[in-house]
């Protein structure tokens, strides 16, 4: 799973900070979107705050988070009008 967002509060000028363009921060020290995977066919799963994971913060405020873990989820596919059908959530 990959979470990407922009945090306008974590923007800096790399020239003023030794040309550092990105840093790795513990995800418990920054805001991140709370995510819960829920599936009626399996148990729900939340990101566990006991897992040591980092968020990559870039000087432009782009944040990259790759939560660790095994994620088991699926969805029903309706293909009765294939190839003209559309899948929503």
PDB file of N, CA and C in Angstrom:
ATOM      1  N   UNK A   1       0.846  -1.160   0.000  1.00  0.00           N
ATOM      2  CA  UNK A   1       0.000   0.000   0.000  1.00  0.00           C
ATOM      3  C   UNK A   1       0.900   1.234   0.000  1.00  0.00           C
ATOM      4  N   UNK A   2       0.458   2.251  -0.699  1.00  0.00           N
ATOM      5  CA  UNK A   2       1.220   3.485  -0.820  1.00  0.00           C
ATOM      6  C   UNK A   2       0.287   4.660  -0.509  1.00  0.00           C
ATOM      7  N   UNK A   3       0.701   5.521   0.408  1.00  0.00           N
ATOM      8  CA  UNK A   3      -0.051   6.734   0.721  1.00  0.00           C
ATOM      9  C   UNK A   3       0.828   7.929   0.368  1.00  0.00           C
ATOM     10  N   UNK A   4       0.296   8.840  -0.425  1.00  0.00           N
ATOM     11  CA  UNK A   4       1.031  10.044  -0.817  1.00  0.00           C
ATOM     12  C   UNK A   4       0.120  11.245  -0.591  1.00  0.00           C
ATOM     13  N   UNK A   5       0.634  12.280   0.037  1.00  0.00           N
ATOM     14  CA  UNK A   5      -0.123  13.508   0.253  1.00  0.00           C
ATOM     15  C   UNK A   5       0.862  14.667   0.348  1.00  0.00           C
ATOM     16  N   UNK A   6       0.332  15.867   0.397  1.00  0.00           N
ATOM     17  CA  UNK A   6       1.179  17.061   0.525  1.00  0.00           C
ATOM     18  C   UNK A   6       0.834  17.745   1.846  1.00  0.00           C
ATOM     19  N   UNK A   7       1.874  18.069   2.602  1.00  0.00           N
ATOM     20  CA  UNK A   7       1.725  18.764   3.879  1.00  0.00           C
ATOM     21  C   UNK A   7       2.396  20.125   3.743  1.00  0.00           C
ATOM     22  N   UNK A   8       1.597  21.173   3.624  1.00  0.00           N
ATOM     23  CA  UNK A   8       2.144  22.515   3.410  1.00  0.00           C
ATOM     24  C   UNK A   8       2.885  23.048   4.633  1.00  0.00           C
ATOM     25  N   UNK A   9       2.762  22.368   5.787  1.00  0.00           N
ATOM     26  CA  UNK A   9       3.487  22.789   6.986  1.00  0.00           C
ATOM     27  C   UNK A   9       4.906  22.217   7.022  1.00  0.00           C
ATOM     28  N   UNK A  10       5.199  21.261   6.171  1.00  0.00           N
ATOM     29  CA  UNK A  10       6.540  20.668   6.116  1.00  0.00           C
ATOM     30  C   UNK A  10       7.200  20.977   4.778  1.00  0.00           C
ATOM     31  N   UNK A  11       7.421  22.257   4.541  1.00  0.00           N
ATOM     32  CA  UNK A  11       8.078  22.741   3.321  1.00  0.00           C
ATOM     33  C   UNK A  11       9.308  23.540   3.762  1.00  0.00           C
ATOM     34  N   UNK A  12      10.424  23.330   3.073  1.00  0.00           N
ATOM     35  CA  UNK A  12      11.625  24.084   3.403  1.00  0.00           C
ATOM     36  C   UNK A  12      12.441  24.347   2.149  1.00  0.00           C
ATOM     37  N   UNK A  13      13.353  25.302   2.263  1.00  0.00           N
ATOM     38  CA  UNK A  13      14.268  25.648   1.167  1.00  0.00           C
ATOM     39  C   UNK A  13      15.550  24.843   1.361  1.00  0.00           C
ATOM     40  N   UNK A  14      15.809  23.857   0.501  1.00  0.00           N
ATOM     41  CA  UNK A  14      16.999  23.012   0.665  1.00  0.00           C
ATOM     42  C   UNK A  14      18.306  23.812   0.721  1.00  0.00           C
ATOM     43  N   UNK A  15      18.395  24.934   0.027  1.00  0.00           N
ATOM     44  CA  UNK A  15      19.621  25.740   0.027  1.00  0.00           C
ATOM     45  C   UNK A  15      19.925  26.282   1.425  1.00  0.00           C
ATOM     46  N   UNK A  16      18.902  26.478   2.247  1.00  0.00           N
ATOM     47  CA  UNK A  16      19.098  26.993   3.607  1.00  0.00           C
ATOM     48  C   UNK A  16      19.419  25.890   4.606  1.00  0.00           C
ATOM     49  N   UNK A  17      19.261  24.639   4.201  1.00  0.00           N
ATOM     50  CA  UNK A  17      19.459  23.520   5.121  1.00  0.00           C
ATOM     51  C   UNK A  17      20.401  22.474   4.537  1.00  0.00           C
ATOM     52  N   UNK A  18      21.552  22.911   4.071  1.00  0.00           N
ATOM     53  CA  UNK A  18      22.594  22.004   3.609  1.00  0.00           C
ATOM     54  C   UNK A  18      22.213  21.175   2.403  1.00  0.00           C
ATOM     55  N   UNK A  19      21.337  21.694   1.554  1.00  0.00           N
ATOM     56  CA  UNK A  19      20.877  21.003   0.337  1.00  0.00           C
ATOM     57  C   UNK A  19      20.240  19.647   0.642  1.00  0.00           C
ATOM     58  N   UNK A  20      19.530  19.597   1.753  1.00  0.00           N
ATOM     59  CA  UNK A  20      18.774  18.391   2.116  1.00  0.00           C
ATOM     60  C   UNK A  20      17.406  18.498   1.466  1.00  0.00           C
ATOM     61  N   UNK A  21      17.087  17.546   0.607  1.00  0.00           N
ATOM     62  CA  UNK A  21      15.845  17.580  -0.154  1.00  0.00           C
ATOM     63  C   UNK A  21      14.771  16.662   0.415  1.00  0.00           C
ATOM     64  N   UNK A  22      15.169  15.721   1.258  1.00  0.00           N
ATOM     65  CA  UNK A  22      14.175  14.857   1.880  1.00  0.00           C
ATOM     66  C   UNK A  22      14.724  14.300   3.183  1.00  0.00           C
ATOM     67  N   UNK A  23      13.810  13.970   4.072  1.00  0.00           N
ATOM     68  CA  UNK A  23      14.171  13.366   5.351  1.00  0.00           C
ATOM     69  C   UNK A  23      13.200  12.228   5.641  1.00  0.00           C
ATOM     70  N   UNK A  24      13.644  11.315   6.468  1.00  0.00           N
ATOM     71  CA  UNK A  24      12.815  10.207   6.905  1.00  0.00           C
ATOM     72  C   UNK A  24      12.424  10.469   8.354  1.00  0.00           C
ATOM     73  N   UNK A  25      11.119  10.444   8.619  1.00  0.00           N
ATOM     74  CA  UNK A  25      10.608  10.758   9.947  1.00  0.00           C
ATOM     75  C   UNK A  25       9.744   9.611  10.462  1.00  0.00           C
ATOM     76  N   UNK A  26       9.756   9.357  11.777  1.00  0.00           N
ATOM     77  CA  UNK A  26       8.820   8.360  12.305  1.00  0.00           C
ATOM     78  C   UNK A  26       7.386   8.817  12.023  1.00  0.00           C
ATOM     79  N   UNK A  27       6.561   7.918  11.552  1.00  0.00           N
ATOM     80  CA  UNK A  27       5.208   8.336  11.168  1.00  0.00           C
ATOM     81  C   UNK A  27       4.390   8.802  12.356  1.00  0.00           C
ATOM     82  N   UNK A  28       4.802   8.453  13.569  1.00  0.00           N
ATOM     83  CA  UNK A  28       4.086   8.920  14.757  1.00  0.00           C
ATOM     84  C   UNK A  28       4.378  10.387  15.059  1.00  0.00           C
ATOM     85  N   UNK A  29       5.371  10.983  14.356  1.00  0.00           N
ATOM     86  CA  UNK A  29       5.741  12.380  14.598  1.00  0.00           C
ATOM     87  C   UNK A  29       5.156  13.345  13.568  1.00  0.00           C
ATOM     88  N   UNK A  30       4.428  12.835  12.587  1.00  0.00           N
ATOM     89  CA  UNK A  30       3.833  13.699  11.568  1.00  0.00           C
ATOM     90  C   UNK A  30       2.362  13.322  11.391  1.00  0.00           C
ATOM     91  N   UNK A  31       1.608  14.258  10.821  1.00  0.00           N
ATOM     92  CA  UNK A  31       0.223  13.945  10.483  1.00  0.00           C
ATOM     93  C   UNK A  31       0.241  13.017   9.275  1.00  0.00           C
ATOM     94  N   UNK A  32      -0.624  12.031   9.296  1.00  0.00           N
ATOM     95  CA  UNK A  32      -0.805  11.164   8.131  1.00  0.00           C
ATOM     96  C   UNK A  32      -2.283  10.790   8.055  1.00  0.00           C
ATOM     97  N   UNK A  33      -2.774  10.499   6.872  1.00  0.00           N
ATOM     98  CA  UNK A  33      -4.189  10.159   6.754  1.00  0.00           C
ATOM     99  C   UNK A  33      -4.465   8.822   7.439  1.00  0.00           C
ATOM    100  N   UNK A  34      -5.424   8.822   8.336  1.00  0.00           N
ATOM    101  CA  UNK A  34      -5.795   7.589   9.028  1.00  0.00           C
ATOM    102  C   UNK A  34      -6.532   6.685   8.045  1.00  0.00           C
ATOM    103  N   UNK A  35      -6.078   5.466   7.950  1.00  0.00           N
ATOM    104  CA  UNK A  35      -6.626   4.529   6.979  1.00  0.00           C
ATOM    105  C   UNK A  35      -7.048   3.264   7.708  1.00  0.00           C
ATOM    106  N   UNK A  36      -8.226   2.780   7.373  1.00  0.00           N
ATOM    107  CA  UNK A  36      -8.681   1.487   7.876  1.00  0.00           C
ATOM    108  C   UNK A  36      -9.226   0.711   6.691  1.00  0.00           C
ATOM    109  N   UNK A  37      -8.685  -0.469   6.480  1.00  0.00           N
ATOM    110  CA  UNK A  37      -9.191  -1.350   5.443  1.00  0.00           C
ATOM    111  C   UNK A  37     -10.262  -2.226   6.074  1.00  0.00           C
ATOM    112  N   UNK A  38     -11.433  -2.147   5.534  1.00  0.00           N
ATOM    113  CA  UNK A  38     -12.535  -2.947   6.059  1.00  0.00           C
ATOM    114  C   UNK A  38     -13.069  -3.823   4.946  1.00  0.00           C
ATOM    115  N   UNK A  39     -13.271  -5.072   5.251  1.00  0.00           N
ATOM    116  CA  UNK A  39     -13.743  -6.029   4.271  1.00  0.00           C
ATOM    117  C   UNK A  39     -14.712  -6.966   4.982  1.00  0.00           C
ATOM    118  N   UNK A  40     -15.934  -7.069   4.499  1.00  0.00           N
ATOM    119  CA  UNK A  40     -16.881  -7.947   5.189  1.00  0.00           C
ATOM    120  C   UNK A  40     -16.480  -9.418   5.145  1.00  0.00           C
ATOM    121  N   UNK A  41     -15.537  -9.777   4.290  1.00  0.00           N
ATOM    122  CA  UNK A  41     -15.112 -11.170   4.156  1.00  0.00           C
ATOM    123  C   UNK A  41     -13.851 -11.482   4.944  1.00  0.00           C
ATOM    124  N   UNK A  42     -13.294 -10.481   5.618  1.00  0.00           N
ATOM    125  CA  UNK A  42     -12.127 -10.710   6.463  1.00  0.00           C
ATOM    126  C   UNK A  42     -12.156  -9.690   7.597  1.00  0.00           C
ATOM    127  N   UNK A  43     -11.173  -9.743   8.459  1.00  0.00           N
ATOM    128  CA  UNK A  43     -11.143  -8.807   9.573  1.00  0.00           C
ATOM    129  C   UNK A  43     -10.683  -7.430   9.103  1.00  0.00           C
ATOM    130  N   UNK A  44     -11.101  -6.390   9.834  1.00  0.00           N
ATOM    131  CA  UNK A  44     -10.634  -5.047   9.487  1.00  0.00           C
ATOM    132  C   UNK A  44      -9.229  -4.867  10.044  1.00  0.00           C
ATOM    133  N   UNK A  45      -8.499  -3.946   9.469  1.00  0.00           N
ATOM    134  CA  UNK A  45      -7.099  -3.765   9.817  1.00  0.00           C
ATOM    135  C   UNK A  45      -6.788  -2.284   9.875  1.00  0.00           C
ATOM    136  N   UNK A  46      -6.133  -1.853  10.928  1.00  0.00           N
ATOM    137  CA  UNK A  46      -5.682  -0.466  11.039  1.00  0.00           C
ATOM    138  C   UNK A  46      -4.165  -0.468  11.129  1.00  0.00           C
ATOM    139  N   UNK A  47      -3.557   0.642  10.780  1.00  0.00           N
ATOM    140  CA  UNK A  47      -2.106   0.758  10.909  1.00  0.00           C
ATOM    141  C   UNK A  47      -1.772   0.721  12.396  1.00  0.00           C
ATOM    142  N   UNK A  48      -0.876  -0.145  12.783  1.00  0.00           N
ATOM    143  CA  UNK A  48      -0.523  -0.357  14.186  1.00  0.00           C
ATOM    144  C   UNK A  48       0.568   0.618  14.599  1.00  0.00           C
ATOM    145  N   UNK A  49       0.290   1.416  15.622  1.00  0.00           N
ATOM    146  CA  UNK A  49       1.257   2.428  16.055  1.00  0.00           C
ATOM    147  C   UNK A  49       2.486   1.809  16.719  1.00  0.00           C
ATOM    148  N   UNK A  50       2.488   0.500  16.960  1.00  0.00           N
ATOM    149  CA  UNK A  50       3.664  -0.147  17.539  1.00  0.00           C
ATOM    150  C   UNK A  50       4.679  -0.555  16.477  1.00  0.00           C
ATOM    151  N   UNK A  51       4.287  -0.528  15.216  1.00  0.00           N
ATOM    152  CA  UNK A  51       5.209  -0.886  14.140  1.00  0.00           C
ATOM    153  C   UNK A  51       6.117   0.294  13.818  1.00  0.00           C
ATOM    154  N   UNK A  52       7.440   0.089  13.780  1.00  0.00           N
ATOM    155  CA  UNK A  52       8.352   1.194  13.455  1.00  0.00           C
ATOM    156  C   UNK A  52       8.372   1.460  11.953  1.00  0.00           C
ATOM    157  N   UNK A  53       7.651   2.480  11.524  1.00  0.00           N
ATOM    158  CA  UNK A  53       7.591   2.835  10.107  1.00  0.00           C
ATOM    159  C   UNK A  53       7.921   4.306   9.960  1.00  0.00           C
ATOM    160  N   UNK A  54       8.461   4.663   8.801  1.00  0.00           N
ATOM    161  CA  UNK A  54       8.849   6.043   8.542  1.00  0.00           C
ATOM    162  C   UNK A  54       8.050   6.634   7.390  1.00  0.00           C
ATOM    163  N   UNK A  55       7.970   7.954   7.408  1.00  0.00           N
ATOM    164  CA  UNK A  55       7.388   8.730   6.321  1.00  0.00           C
ATOM    165  C   UNK A  55       8.532   9.500   5.678  1.00  0.00           C
ATOM    166  N   UNK A  56       8.593   9.491   4.360  1.00  0.00           N
ATOM    167  CA  UNK A  56       9.602  10.269   3.631  1.00  0.00           C
ATOM    168  C   UNK A  56       8.987  11.635   3.346  1.00  0.00           C
ATOM    169  N   UNK A  57       9.590  12.700   3.876  1.00  0.00           N
ATOM    170  CA  UNK A  57       9.129  14.066   3.659  1.00  0.00           C
ATOM    171  C   UNK A  57      10.097  14.758   2.714  1.00  0.00           C
ATOM    172  N   UNK A  58       9.579  15.391   1.668  1.00  0.00           N
ATOM    173  CA  UNK A  58      10.430  16.117   0.727  1.00  0.00           C
ATOM    174  C   UNK A  58      10.314  17.614   0.992  1.00  0.00           C
ATOM    175  N   UNK A  59      11.273  18.359   0.496  1.00  0.00           N
ATOM    176  CA  UNK A  59      11.302  19.805   0.737  1.00  0.00           C
ATOM    177  C   UNK A  59      10.088  20.523   0.151  1.00  0.00           C
ATOM    178  N   UNK A  60       9.427  19.925  -0.820  1.00  0.00           N
ATOM    179  CA  UNK A  60       8.230  20.540  -1.411  1.00  0.00           C
ATOM    180  C   UNK A  60       6.966  20.210  -0.630  1.00  0.00           C
ATOM    181  N   UNK A  61       7.104  19.403   0.426  1.00  0.00           N
ATOM    182  CA  UNK A  61       5.952  19.042   1.239  1.00  0.00           C
ATOM    183  C   UNK A  61       5.299  17.730   0.838  1.00  0.00           C
ATOM    184  N   UNK A  62       5.831  17.070  -0.179  1.00  0.00           N
ATOM    185  CA  UNK A  62       5.290  15.770  -0.574  1.00  0.00           C
ATOM    186  C   UNK A  62       5.684  14.737   0.464  1.00  0.00           C
ATOM    187  N   UNK A  63       4.713  13.945   0.886  1.00  0.00           N
ATOM    188  CA  UNK A  63       4.924  12.932   1.915  1.00  0.00           C
ATOM    189  C   UNK A  63       4.655  11.562   1.302  1.00  0.00           C
ATOM    190  N   UNK A  64       5.528  10.605   1.591  1.00  0.00           N
ATOM    191  CA  UNK A  64       5.407   9.251   1.067  1.00  0.00           C
ATOM    192  C   UNK A  64       5.437   8.271   2.229  1.00  0.00           C
ATOM    193  N   UNK A  65       4.387   7.467   2.317  1.00  0.00           N
ATOM    194  CA  UNK A  65       4.258   6.517   3.427  1.00  0.00           C
ATOM    195  C   UNK A  65       3.896   5.153   2.859  1.00  0.00           C
ATOM    196  N   UNK A  66       4.691   4.157   3.213  1.00  0.00           N
ATOM    197  CA  UNK A  66       4.467   2.780   2.765  1.00  0.00           C
ATOM    198  C   UNK A  66       4.298   1.910   4.004  1.00  0.00           C
ATOM    199  N   UNK A  67       3.073   1.813   4.529  1.00  0.00           N
ATOM    200  CA  UNK A  67       2.865   1.036   5.752  1.00  0.00           C
ATOM    201  C   UNK A  67       3.274  -0.420   5.561  1.00  0.00           C
ATOM    202  N   UNK A  68       3.935  -0.947   6.562  1.00  0.00           N
ATOM    203  CA  UNK A  68       4.352  -2.349   6.519  1.00  0.00           C
ATOM    204  C   UNK A  68       3.201  -3.234   6.970  1.00  0.00           C
ATOM    205  N   UNK A  69       3.237  -4.450   6.541  1.00  0.00           N
ATOM    206  CA  UNK A  69       2.241  -5.409   6.985  1.00  0.00           C
ATOM    207  C   UNK A  69       1.721  -6.241   5.844  1.00  0.00           C
ATOM    208  N   UNK A  70       0.910  -7.192   6.208  1.00  0.00           N
ATOM    209  CA  UNK A  70       0.234  -8.035   5.230  1.00  0.00           C
ATOM    210  C   UNK A  70      -1.215  -7.592   5.204  1.00  0.00           C
ATOM    211  N   UNK A  71      -1.659  -7.138   4.055  1.00  0.00           N
ATOM    212  CA  UNK A  71      -3.013  -6.624   3.918  1.00  0.00           C
ATOM    213  C   UNK A  71      -3.824  -7.605   3.083  1.00  0.00           C
ATOM    214  N   UNK A  72      -4.897  -8.098   3.648  1.00  0.00           N
ATOM    215  CA  UNK A  72      -5.751  -9.056   2.972  1.00  0.00           C
ATOM    216  C   UNK A  72      -7.094  -8.389   2.713  1.00  0.00           C
ATOM    217  N   UNK A  73      -7.339  -8.018   1.466  1.00  0.00           N
ATOM    218  CA  UNK A  73      -8.632  -7.435   1.122  1.00  0.00           C
ATOM    219  C   UNK A  73      -8.963  -7.774  -0.315  1.00  0.00           C
ATOM    220  N   UNK A  74     -10.235  -7.778  -0.601  1.00  0.00           N
ATOM    221  CA  UNK A  74     -10.696  -8.061  -1.955  1.00  0.00           C
ATOM    222  C   UNK A  74     -12.033  -7.386  -2.172  1.00  0.00           C
ATOM    223  N   UNK A  75     -12.491  -7.394  -3.390  1.00  0.00           N
ATOM    224  CA  UNK A  75     -13.792  -6.813  -3.694  1.00  0.00           C
ATOM    225  C   UNK A  75     -14.469  -7.676  -4.754  1.00  0.00           C
ATOM    226  N   UNK A  76     -15.763  -7.568  -4.781  1.00  0.00           N
ATOM    227  CA  UNK A  76     -16.549  -8.317  -5.748  1.00  0.00           C
ATOM    228  C   UNK A  76     -16.439  -7.646  -7.115  1.00  0.00           C
ATOM    229  N   UNK A  77     -16.239  -8.429  -8.136  1.00  0.00           N
ATOM    230  CA  UNK A  77     -16.154  -7.913  -9.490  1.00  0.00           C
ATOM    231  C   UNK A  77     -17.409  -8.325 -10.245  1.00  0.00           C
ATOM    232  N   UNK A  78     -18.066  -7.347 -10.821  1.00  0.00           N
ATOM    233  CA  UNK A  78     -19.244  -7.620 -11.640  1.00  0.00           C
ATOM    234  C   UNK A  78     -18.845  -7.410 -13.099  1.00  0.00           C
ATOM    235  N   UNK A  79     -18.779  -8.480 -13.841  1.00  0.00           N
ATOM    236  CA  UNK A  79     -18.320  -8.398 -15.226  1.00  0.00           C
ATOM    237  C   UNK A  79     -19.417  -8.814 -16.197  1.00  0.00           C
ATOM    238  N   UNK A  80     -20.674  -8.600 -15.831  1.00  0.00           N
ATOM    239  CA  UNK A  80     -21.779  -9.041 -16.682  1.00  0.00           C
ATOM    240  C   UNK A  80     -21.852  -8.277 -17.999  1.00  0.00           C
ATOM    241  N   UNK A  81     -21.287  -7.066 -18.037  1.00  0.00           N
ATOM    242  CA  UNK A  81     -21.323  -6.269 -19.263  1.00  0.00           C
ATOM    243  C   UNK A  81     -19.924  -6.057 -19.835  1.00  0.00           C
ATOM    244  N   UNK A  82     -19.018  -6.989 -19.502  1.00  0.00           N
ATOM    245  CA  UNK A  82     -17.640  -6.884 -19.984  1.00  0.00           C
ATOM    246  C   UNK A  82     -17.620  -6.794 -21.503  1.00  0.00           C
ATOM    247  N   UNK A  83     -16.843  -5.938 -22.118  1.00  0.00           N
ATOM    248  CA  UNK A  83     -15.832  -5.019 -21.580  1.00  0.00           C
ATOM    249  C   UNK A  83     -16.378  -3.615 -21.333  1.00  0.00           C
ATOM    250  N   UNK A  84     -17.679  -3.463 -21.229  1.00  0.00           N
ATOM    251  CA  UNK A  84     -18.267  -2.125 -21.100  1.00  0.00           C
ATOM    252  C   UNK A  84     -18.706  -1.804 -19.670  1.00  0.00           C
ATOM    253  N   UNK A  85     -18.361  -2.645 -18.711  1.00  0.00           N
ATOM    254  CA  UNK A  85     -18.770  -2.391 -17.341  1.00  0.00           C
ATOM    255  C   UNK A  85     -17.776  -1.455 -16.652  1.00  0.00           C
ATOM    256  N   UNK A  86     -18.185  -0.897 -15.519  1.00  0.00           N
ATOM    257  CA  UNK A  86     -17.339  -0.028 -14.702  1.00  0.00           C
ATOM    258  C   UNK A  86     -17.368  -0.545 -13.274  1.00  0.00           C
ATOM    259  N   UNK A  87     -16.226  -0.484 -12.619  1.00  0.00           N
ATOM    260  CA  UNK A  87     -16.134  -0.925 -11.222  1.00  0.00           C
ATOM    261  C   UNK A  87     -15.988   0.307 -10.341  1.00  0.00           C
ATOM    262  N   UNK A  88     -16.814   0.377  -9.315  1.00  0.00           N
ATOM    263  CA  UNK A  88     -16.759   1.480  -8.359  1.00  0.00           C
ATOM    264  C   UNK A  88     -16.597   0.875  -6.976  1.00  0.00           C
ATOM    265  N   UNK A  89     -15.483   1.249  -6.318  1.00  0.00           N
ATOM    266  CA  UNK A  89     -15.163   0.759  -4.983  1.00  0.00           C
ATOM    267  C   UNK A  89     -15.430  -0.701  -4.868  1.00  0.00           C
TER     268      UNK A  89
END
